[in-house]
């Protein structure tokens, strides 16, 4: 009986160890991939409006693009971890804690930045577009389109 129990435990451990660590969770599937900043919200004299960002600006310089990896990690335009990235994403009302499932390269730019990041990035995804916002700080809304 004890041997049967031990075999069952070993089987479970082997199955757990063999899981594919690169599977994108269901809540992240609509977000995984590369996105370009299309517009940002600006408030002047108490009035809020969207300011469009020309497509050529984001794709030529790469500075206005970001990617979401299979595990939720936010990457910059060079494929490096975003400096001051969020610890969680709230996607269409569902919160997802970001826990890297694969090695991340060091981003040398992050050593030069004093972070005032966003702990939880709120994202509303609709098709090939999403709007992001942060409840903390003065970070306004941004609209991204899939590349």
C-alpha atoms as a PDB file:
ATOM      1  CA  UNK A   1       0.000   0.000   0.000  1.00  0.00           C
ATOM      2  CA  UNK A   2       2.804   2.385   0.902  1.00  0.00           C
ATOM      3  CA  UNK A   3       4.564   1.650  -2.380  1.00  0.00           C
ATOM      4  CA  UNK A   4       1.397   2.451  -4.325  1.00  0.00           C
ATOM      5  CA  UNK A   5       1.064   5.782  -2.481  1.00  0.00           C
ATOM      6  CA  UNK A   6       4.720   6.616  -3.168  1.00  0.00           C
ATOM      7  CA  UNK A   7       4.315   5.811  -6.876  1.00  0.00           C
ATOM      8  CA  UNK A   8       1.263   8.079  -7.074  1.00  0.00           C
ATOM      9  CA  UNK A   9       3.139  10.985  -5.449  1.00  0.00           C
ATOM     10  CA  UNK A  10       6.113  10.487  -7.791  1.00  0.00           C
ATOM     11  CA  UNK A  11       3.767  10.423 -10.794  1.00  0.00           C
ATOM     12  CA  UNK A  12       2.173  13.730  -9.712  1.00  0.00           C
ATOM     13  CA  UNK A  13       5.583  15.346  -9.203  1.00  0.00           C
ATOM     14  CA  UNK A  14       6.733  14.220 -12.655  1.00  0.00           C
ATOM     15  CA  UNK A  15       3.573  15.538 -14.297  1.00  0.00           C
ATOM     16  CA  UNK A  16       3.912  18.880 -12.501  1.00  0.00           C
ATOM     17  CA  UNK A  17       7.576  19.159 -13.537  1.00  0.00           C
ATOM     18  CA  UNK A  18       6.783  18.417 -17.184  1.00  0.00           C
ATOM     19  CA  UNK A  19       4.201  21.174 -17.588  1.00  0.00           C
ATOM     20  CA  UNK A  20       4.937  23.570 -20.430  1.00  0.00           C
ATOM     21  CA  UNK A  21       6.000  26.802 -18.749  1.00  0.00           C
ATOM     22  CA  UNK A  22       5.372  28.797 -21.953  1.00  0.00           C
ATOM     23  CA  UNK A  23       1.606  28.354 -22.097  1.00  0.00           C
ATOM     24  CA  UNK A  24      -0.195  31.690 -22.130  1.00  0.00           C
ATOM     25  CA  UNK A  25      -2.969  31.828 -19.511  1.00  0.00           C
ATOM     26  CA  UNK A  26      -6.444  32.391 -20.963  1.00  0.00           C
ATOM     27  CA  UNK A  27      -6.796  35.916 -19.504  1.00  0.00           C
ATOM     28  CA  UNK A  28      -3.544  36.996 -21.243  1.00  0.00           C
ATOM     29  CA  UNK A  29      -4.252  35.543 -24.700  1.00  0.00           C
ATOM     30  CA  UNK A  30      -5.946  38.670 -26.117  1.00  0.00           C
ATOM     31  CA  UNK A  31      -3.041  40.807 -24.858  1.00  0.00           C
ATOM     32  CA  UNK A  32       0.039  38.708 -25.720  1.00  0.00           C
ATOM     33  CA  UNK A  33       2.025  40.197 -28.592  1.00  0.00           C
ATOM     34  CA  UNK A  34       3.353  43.561 -29.764  1.00  0.00           C
ATOM     35  CA  UNK A  35       1.426  46.831 -29.587  1.00  0.00           C
ATOM     36  CA  UNK A  36       1.989  50.388 -30.847  1.00  0.00           C
ATOM     37  CA  UNK A  37       0.954  53.530 -28.989  1.00  0.00           C
ATOM     38  CA  UNK A  38      -1.841  55.097 -31.065  1.00  0.00           C
ATOM     39  CA  UNK A  39      -3.026  57.895 -28.756  1.00  0.00           C
ATOM     40  CA  UNK A  40      -2.764  59.239 -25.231  1.00  0.00           C
ATOM     41  CA  UNK A  41      -5.175  61.184 -23.095  1.00  0.00           C
ATOM     42  CA  UNK A  42      -4.253  64.794 -22.319  1.00  0.00           C
ATOM     43  CA  UNK A  43      -5.963  67.207 -19.957  1.00  0.00           C
ATOM     44  CA  UNK A  44      -5.647  70.944 -20.634  1.00  0.00           C
ATOM     45  CA  UNK A  45      -7.633  73.592 -18.771  1.00  0.00           C
ATOM     46  CA  UNK A  46      -9.827  70.897 -17.235  1.00  0.00           C
ATOM     47  CA  UNK A  47     -10.751  69.365 -20.605  1.00  0.00           C
ATOM     48  CA  UNK A  48      -9.632  65.885 -21.551  1.00  0.00           C
ATOM     49  CA  UNK A  49      -8.973  64.872 -25.140  1.00  0.00           C
ATOM     50  CA  UNK A  50      -7.189  62.122 -27.042  1.00  0.00           C
ATOM     51  CA  UNK A  51      -3.970  63.098 -28.833  1.00  0.00           C
ATOM     52  CA  UNK A  52      -3.190  60.817 -31.773  1.00  0.00           C
ATOM     53  CA  UNK A  53       0.364  59.534 -32.240  1.00  0.00           C
ATOM     54  CA  UNK A  54       1.361  59.130 -35.904  1.00  0.00           C
ATOM     55  CA  UNK A  55       2.080  55.491 -36.781  1.00  0.00           C
ATOM     56  CA  UNK A  56       5.468  56.359 -38.277  1.00  0.00           C
ATOM     57  CA  UNK A  57       6.695  57.779 -34.959  1.00  0.00           C
ATOM     58  CA  UNK A  58       6.158  54.563 -33.034  1.00  0.00           C
ATOM     59  CA  UNK A  59       7.455  52.134 -35.629  1.00  0.00           C
ATOM     60  CA  UNK A  60      10.470  54.127 -36.818  1.00  0.00           C
ATOM     61  CA  UNK A  61      11.965  54.838 -33.416  1.00  0.00           C
ATOM     62  CA  UNK A  62      10.437  51.819 -31.687  1.00  0.00           C
ATOM     63  CA  UNK A  63      10.001  53.889 -28.559  1.00  0.00           C
ATOM     64  CA  UNK A  64       6.222  53.816 -28.778  1.00  0.00           C
ATOM     65  CA  UNK A  65       5.858  50.036 -28.872  1.00  0.00           C
ATOM     66  CA  UNK A  66       5.600  47.441 -26.156  1.00  0.00           C
ATOM     67  CA  UNK A  67       5.014  43.722 -25.921  1.00  0.00           C
ATOM     68  CA  UNK A  68       3.347  41.421 -23.456  1.00  0.00           C
ATOM     69  CA  UNK A  69       5.107  38.107 -23.059  1.00  0.00           C
ATOM     70  CA  UNK A  70       3.263  34.774 -22.568  1.00  0.00           C
ATOM     71  CA  UNK A  71       3.573  35.177 -18.769  1.00  0.00           C
ATOM     72  CA  UNK A  72       2.451  38.823 -18.627  1.00  0.00           C
ATOM     73  CA  UNK A  73       5.906  40.398 -18.422  1.00  0.00           C
ATOM     74  CA  UNK A  74       5.927  43.775 -20.179  1.00  0.00           C
ATOM     75  CA  UNK A  75       8.791  44.185 -22.660  1.00  0.00           C
ATOM     76  CA  UNK A  76      10.052  47.386 -24.263  1.00  0.00           C
ATOM     77  CA  UNK A  77      10.667  47.921 -27.983  1.00  0.00           C
ATOM     78  CA  UNK A  78      14.033  46.107 -27.741  1.00  0.00           C
ATOM     79  CA  UNK A  79      12.543  43.023 -26.103  1.00  0.00           C
ATOM     80  CA  UNK A  80      13.973  43.895 -22.689  1.00  0.00           C
ATOM     81  CA  UNK A  81      11.909  44.011 -19.495  1.00  0.00           C
ATOM     82  CA  UNK A  82      10.185  47.382 -19.169  1.00  0.00           C
ATOM     83  CA  UNK A  83      11.677  49.566 -16.464  1.00  0.00           C
ATOM     84  CA  UNK A  84       9.236  50.202 -13.614  1.00  0.00           C
ATOM     85  CA  UNK A  85       6.847  47.615 -15.048  1.00  0.00           C
ATOM     86  CA  UNK A  86       3.685  46.645 -13.173  1.00  0.00           C
ATOM     87  CA  UNK A  87       3.501  43.740 -10.742  1.00  0.00           C
ATOM     88  CA  UNK A  88      -0.004  42.861 -11.946  1.00  0.00           C
ATOM     89  CA  UNK A  89      -2.358  43.450 -14.865  1.00  0.00           C
ATOM     90  CA  UNK A  90      -6.092  43.973 -14.511  1.00  0.00           C
ATOM     91  CA  UNK A  91      -7.365  42.800 -17.895  1.00  0.00           C
ATOM     92  CA  UNK A  92     -11.055  43.460 -18.585  1.00  0.00           C
ATOM     93  CA  UNK A  93     -11.731  43.279 -14.852  1.00  0.00           C
ATOM     94  CA  UNK A  94      -9.637  40.175 -14.084  1.00  0.00           C
ATOM     95  CA  UNK A  95      -6.430  40.660 -12.091  1.00  0.00           C
ATOM     96  CA  UNK A  96      -3.368  38.686 -13.174  1.00  0.00           C
ATOM     97  CA  UNK A  97      -0.197  38.731 -11.034  1.00  0.00           C
ATOM     98  CA  UNK A  98       2.931  38.889 -13.191  1.00  0.00           C
ATOM     99  CA  UNK A  99       5.348  36.099 -12.317  1.00  0.00           C
ATOM    100  CA  UNK A 100       8.165  35.553 -14.860  1.00  0.00           C
ATOM    101  CA  UNK A 101       8.186  31.928 -16.076  1.00  0.00           C
ATOM    102  CA  UNK A 102      11.391  32.271 -18.107  1.00  0.00           C
ATOM    103  CA  UNK A 103      14.681  34.094 -17.665  1.00  0.00           C
ATOM    104  CA  UNK A 104      14.683  37.850 -18.227  1.00  0.00           C
ATOM    105  CA  UNK A 105      17.712  39.705 -19.584  1.00  0.00           C
ATOM    106  CA  UNK A 106      18.986  42.714 -17.682  1.00  0.00           C
ATOM    107  CA  UNK A 107      17.803  46.079 -19.017  1.00  0.00           C
ATOM    108  CA  UNK A 108      20.744  48.499 -18.558  1.00  0.00           C
ATOM    109  CA  UNK A 109      18.427  51.524 -18.952  1.00  0.00           C
ATOM    110  CA  UNK A 110      16.662  50.622 -15.696  1.00  0.00           C
ATOM    111  CA  UNK A 111      19.780  51.473 -13.700  1.00  0.00           C
ATOM    112  CA  UNK A 112      19.398  55.083 -14.854  1.00  0.00           C
ATOM    113  CA  UNK A 113      15.726  55.499 -13.910  1.00  0.00           C
ATOM    114  CA  UNK A 114      14.151  56.424 -10.586  1.00  0.00           C
ATOM    115  CA  UNK A 115      10.918  54.445 -10.734  1.00  0.00           C
ATOM    116  CA  UNK A 116       7.491  55.807 -10.000  1.00  0.00           C
ATOM    117  CA  UNK A 117       5.751  52.895 -11.594  1.00  0.00           C
ATOM    118  CA  UNK A 118       2.260  51.563 -11.684  1.00  0.00           C
ATOM    119  CA  UNK A 119       1.660  48.582  -9.397  1.00  0.00           C
ATOM    120  CA  UNK A 120      -1.438  47.379 -11.261  1.00  0.00           C
ATOM    121  CA  UNK A 121      -1.908  48.343 -14.893  1.00  0.00           C
ATOM    122  CA  UNK A 122      -5.615  48.453 -15.824  1.00  0.00           C
ATOM    123  CA  UNK A 123      -6.248  47.288 -19.385  1.00  0.00           C
ATOM    124  CA  UNK A 124      -9.464  47.119 -21.385  1.00  0.00           C
ATOM    125  CA  UNK A 125      -8.915  44.961 -24.481  1.00  0.00           C
ATOM    126  CA  UNK A 126     -11.328  45.080 -27.409  1.00  0.00           C
ATOM    127  CA  UNK A 127     -10.168  43.235 -30.521  1.00  0.00           C
ATOM    128  CA  UNK A 128      -6.902  44.685 -31.827  1.00  0.00           C
ATOM    129  CA  UNK A 129      -6.945  47.689 -29.486  1.00  0.00           C
ATOM    130  CA  UNK A 130      -6.569  48.274 -25.758  1.00  0.00           C
ATOM    131  CA  UNK A 131      -6.725  51.229 -23.396  1.00  0.00           C
ATOM    132  CA  UNK A 132      -4.424  51.252 -20.390  1.00  0.00           C
ATOM    133  CA  UNK A 133      -4.560  53.329 -17.232  1.00  0.00           C
ATOM    134  CA  UNK A 134      -3.097  53.365 -13.765  1.00  0.00           C
ATOM    135  CA  UNK A 135      -4.955  54.194 -10.581  1.00  0.00           C
ATOM    136  CA  UNK A 136      -1.823  55.468  -8.826  1.00  0.00           C
ATOM    137  CA  UNK A 137       0.169  58.544  -9.759  1.00  0.00           C
ATOM    138  CA  UNK A 138      -0.415  60.928 -12.644  1.00  0.00           C
ATOM    139  CA  UNK A 139      -0.269  58.330 -15.390  1.00  0.00           C
ATOM    140  CA  UNK A 140      -3.074  59.022 -17.854  1.00  0.00           C
ATOM    141  CA  UNK A 141      -4.795  56.711 -20.287  1.00  0.00           C
ATOM    142  CA  UNK A 142      -3.092  55.407 -23.401  1.00  0.00           C
ATOM    143  CA  UNK A 143      -4.581  53.635 -26.419  1.00  0.00           C
ATOM    144  CA  UNK A 144      -2.569  50.935 -28.196  1.00  0.00           C
ATOM    145  CA  UNK A 145      -3.178  49.004 -31.417  1.00  0.00           C
ATOM    146  CA  UNK A 146      -1.816  45.565 -32.273  1.00  0.00           C
ATOM    147  CA  UNK A 147       1.073  45.477 -34.737  1.00  0.00           C
END
